[in-house]
Amino acid sequence: MPACPDCEARPELGTPSMARWLGPDGGIYCSLHFIQKFGHSERLVKIADYEPPPTAPEGATSGTA
């Protein structure tokens, strides 16, 4: 899975998110950068080779109480 190029450009923010969406400009983006760049009204189109990350094992918690 490719990483979001906008996330990769800002390494101080941590590990880049995986690109999931194809932008109207032909670029690929994570959800955050897609919405930031194109807004909520733009149609979401998944990139062809996107595979969602595996789900958490049964009984796993997010670390919140």
N, C-alpha and C. Protein backbone atom coordinates (compact mmCIF):
# COMPACT_ATOMS: atom_id res chain seq x y z
N MET A 1 0.84 -1.19 0.00
CA MET A 1 0.00 0.00 0.00
C MET A 1 0.88 1.24 0.00
N PRO A 2 0.57 2.17 -0.83
CA PRO A 2 1.36 3.41 -0.85
C PRO A 2 1.00 4.33 0.31
N ALA A 3 1.98 5.10 0.74
CA ALA A 3 1.74 6.08 1.80
C ALA A 3 1.24 7.38 1.17
N CYS A 4 0.50 8.15 1.94
CA CYS A 4 0.01 9.45 1.49
C CYS A 4 1.21 10.38 1.30
N PRO A 5 1.40 10.96 0.11
CA PRO A 5 2.54 11.83 -0.12
C PRO A 5 2.52 13.09 0.76
N ASP A 6 1.33 13.58 1.11
CA ASP A 6 1.24 14.74 1.99
C ASP A 6 1.74 14.39 3.39
N CYS A 7 1.43 13.19 3.87
CA CYS A 7 1.94 12.73 5.17
C CYS A 7 3.46 12.54 5.10
N GLU A 8 3.95 11.97 4.02
CA GLU A 8 5.38 11.75 3.87
C GLU A 8 6.16 13.06 3.85
N ALA A 9 5.54 14.11 3.35
CA ALA A 9 6.20 15.41 3.27
C ALA A 9 6.35 16.06 4.64
N ARG A 10 5.65 15.56 5.64
CA ARG A 10 5.67 16.12 6.99
C ARG A 10 6.09 15.05 8.00
N PRO A 11 7.35 14.59 7.97
CA PRO A 11 7.79 13.51 8.86
C PRO A 11 7.70 13.87 10.34
N GLU A 12 7.67 15.14 10.65
CA GLU A 12 7.56 15.54 12.06
C GLU A 12 6.21 15.18 12.66
N LEU A 13 5.24 14.83 11.82
CA LEU A 13 3.91 14.45 12.30
C LEU A 13 3.82 12.97 12.66
N GLY A 14 4.86 12.21 12.38
CA GLY A 14 4.85 10.79 12.71
C GLY A 14 4.80 9.91 11.48
N THR A 15 4.44 8.67 11.69
CA THR A 15 4.38 7.69 10.61
C THR A 15 3.32 8.10 9.58
N PRO A 16 3.66 8.11 8.30
CA PRO A 16 2.68 8.49 7.28
C PRO A 16 1.49 7.53 7.23
N SER A 17 0.32 8.08 7.00
CA SER A 17 -0.88 7.25 6.83
C SER A 17 -0.87 6.65 5.43
N MET A 18 -1.55 5.53 5.29
CA MET A 18 -1.66 4.90 3.99
C MET A 18 -2.64 5.65 3.12
N ALA A 19 -2.30 5.79 1.86
CA ALA A 19 -3.19 6.44 0.90
C ALA A 19 -4.36 5.51 0.61
N ARG A 20 -5.53 6.07 0.58
CA ARG A 20 -6.74 5.28 0.37
C ARG A 20 -7.59 5.85 -0.76
N TRP A 21 -7.51 7.16 -0.97
CA TRP A 21 -8.42 7.84 -1.88
C TRP A 21 -7.70 8.45 -3.08
N LEU A 22 -8.34 8.38 -4.22
CA LEU A 22 -7.85 9.01 -5.45
C LEU A 22 -8.48 10.39 -5.54
N GLY A 23 -7.64 11.41 -5.58
CA GLY A 23 -8.14 12.78 -5.66
C GLY A 23 -8.55 13.17 -7.07
N PRO A 24 -9.36 14.21 -7.22
CA PRO A 24 -9.77 14.67 -8.55
C PRO A 24 -8.58 15.18 -9.37
N ASP A 25 -7.46 15.46 -8.69
CA ASP A 25 -6.25 15.90 -9.38
C ASP A 25 -5.38 14.73 -9.83
N GLY A 26 -5.83 13.49 -9.54
CA GLY A 26 -5.07 12.30 -9.90
C GLY A 26 -4.11 11.84 -8.82
N GLY A 27 -3.96 12.62 -7.74
CA GLY A 27 -3.09 12.25 -6.63
C GLY A 27 -3.77 11.27 -5.70
N ILE A 28 -2.98 10.67 -4.82
CA ILE A 28 -3.52 9.76 -3.82
C ILE A 28 -3.35 10.39 -2.44
N TYR A 29 -4.32 10.13 -1.55
CA TYR A 29 -4.35 10.80 -0.25
C TYR A 29 -4.92 9.89 0.83
N CYS A 30 -4.50 10.15 2.07
CA CYS A 30 -5.17 9.55 3.22
C CYS A 30 -6.48 10.33 3.41
N SER A 31 -7.33 9.84 4.29
CA SER A 31 -8.63 10.50 4.51
C SER A 31 -8.47 11.95 4.97
N LEU A 32 -7.56 12.19 5.91
CA LEU A 32 -7.37 13.53 6.44
C LEU A 32 -6.95 14.52 5.36
N HIS A 33 -5.95 14.17 4.58
CA HIS A 33 -5.46 15.10 3.58
C HIS A 33 -6.42 15.24 2.39
N PHE A 34 -7.18 14.19 2.10
CA PHE A 34 -8.18 14.30 1.03
C PHE A 34 -9.22 15.36 1.41
N ILE A 35 -9.77 15.24 2.62
CA ILE A 35 -10.79 16.19 3.07
C ILE A 35 -10.21 17.59 3.19
N GLN A 36 -8.99 17.68 3.71
CA GLN A 36 -8.34 18.98 3.87
C GLN A 36 -8.16 19.67 2.52
N LYS A 37 -7.82 18.90 1.50
CA LYS A 37 -7.53 19.48 0.19
C LYS A 37 -8.78 19.72 -0.65
N PHE A 38 -9.76 18.81 -0.57
CA PHE A 38 -10.90 18.87 -1.49
C PHE A 38 -12.25 19.09 -0.81
N GLY A 39 -12.30 19.04 0.50
CA GLY A 39 -13.55 19.26 1.22
C GLY A 39 -14.41 18.01 1.30
N HIS A 40 -15.51 18.15 2.01
CA HIS A 40 -16.41 17.02 2.26
C HIS A 40 -17.34 16.71 1.08
N SER A 41 -17.50 17.64 0.17
CA SER A 41 -18.46 17.41 -0.91
C SER A 41 -17.87 16.64 -2.09
N GLU A 42 -16.55 16.47 -2.12
CA GLU A 42 -15.92 15.74 -3.22
C GLU A 42 -16.18 14.25 -3.07
N ARG A 43 -16.49 13.59 -4.16
CA ARG A 43 -16.78 12.15 -4.17
C ARG A 43 -15.53 11.35 -3.80
N LEU A 44 -15.68 10.36 -2.92
CA LEU A 44 -14.57 9.49 -2.51
C LEU A 44 -14.45 8.32 -3.48
N VAL A 45 -13.25 8.14 -4.03
CA VAL A 45 -12.98 7.03 -4.93
C VAL A 45 -11.75 6.31 -4.38
N LYS A 46 -11.92 5.03 -4.01
CA LYS A 46 -10.79 4.26 -3.47
C LYS A 46 -9.77 4.01 -4.57
N ILE A 47 -8.48 4.02 -4.19
CA ILE A 47 -7.46 3.66 -5.17
C ILE A 47 -7.58 2.17 -5.45
N ALA A 48 -7.18 1.77 -6.62
CA ALA A 48 -7.42 0.40 -7.09
C ALA A 48 -6.76 -0.66 -6.21
N ASP A 49 -5.55 -0.41 -5.72
CA ASP A 49 -4.85 -1.45 -4.98
C ASP A 49 -4.95 -1.29 -3.46
N TYR A 50 -5.90 -0.49 -2.98
CA TYR A 50 -6.03 -0.29 -1.54
C TYR A 50 -6.59 -1.53 -0.87
N GLU A 51 -5.93 -1.97 0.16
CA GLU A 51 -6.41 -3.06 1.00
C GLU A 51 -6.49 -2.52 2.42
N PRO A 52 -7.63 -2.60 3.09
CA PRO A 52 -7.72 -2.09 4.45
C PRO A 52 -6.79 -2.87 5.37
N PRO A 53 -6.29 -2.20 6.42
CA PRO A 53 -5.44 -2.93 7.37
C PRO A 53 -6.24 -4.03 8.05
N PRO A 54 -5.55 -5.06 8.52
CA PRO A 54 -6.28 -6.14 9.19
C PRO A 54 -6.99 -5.60 10.43
N THR A 55 -8.11 -6.21 10.75
CA THR A 55 -8.86 -5.77 11.94
C THR A 55 -8.14 -6.23 13.19
N ALA A 56 -8.42 -5.56 14.28
CA ALA A 56 -7.82 -5.92 15.57
C ALA A 56 -8.33 -7.29 15.99
N PRO A 57 -7.48 -8.06 16.67
CA PRO A 57 -7.93 -9.36 17.16
C PRO A 57 -9.06 -9.21 18.16
N GLU A 58 -9.89 -10.21 18.25
CA GLU A 58 -11.01 -10.20 19.21
C GLU A 58 -10.49 -9.95 20.62
N GLY A 59 -11.11 -9.04 21.32
CA GLY A 59 -10.71 -8.74 22.68
C GLY A 59 -9.69 -7.62 22.79
N ALA A 60 -9.15 -7.16 21.67
CA ALA A 60 -8.17 -6.07 21.73
C ALA A 60 -8.88 -4.77 22.06
N THR A 61 -8.20 -3.90 22.77
CA THR A 61 -8.79 -2.61 23.12
C THR A 61 -7.96 -1.50 22.52
N SER A 62 -8.57 -0.33 22.43
CA SER A 62 -7.88 0.83 21.84
C SER A 62 -7.05 1.57 22.87
N GLY A 63 -7.07 1.13 24.12
CA GLY A 63 -6.30 1.79 25.15
C GLY A 63 -7.08 2.86 25.89
N THR A 64 -8.36 2.99 25.56
CA THR A 64 -9.21 3.95 26.26
C THR A 64 -10.10 3.21 27.24
N ALA A 65 -10.45 3.88 28.30
CA ALA A 65 -11.29 3.25 29.32
C ALA A 65 -12.75 3.43 29.03
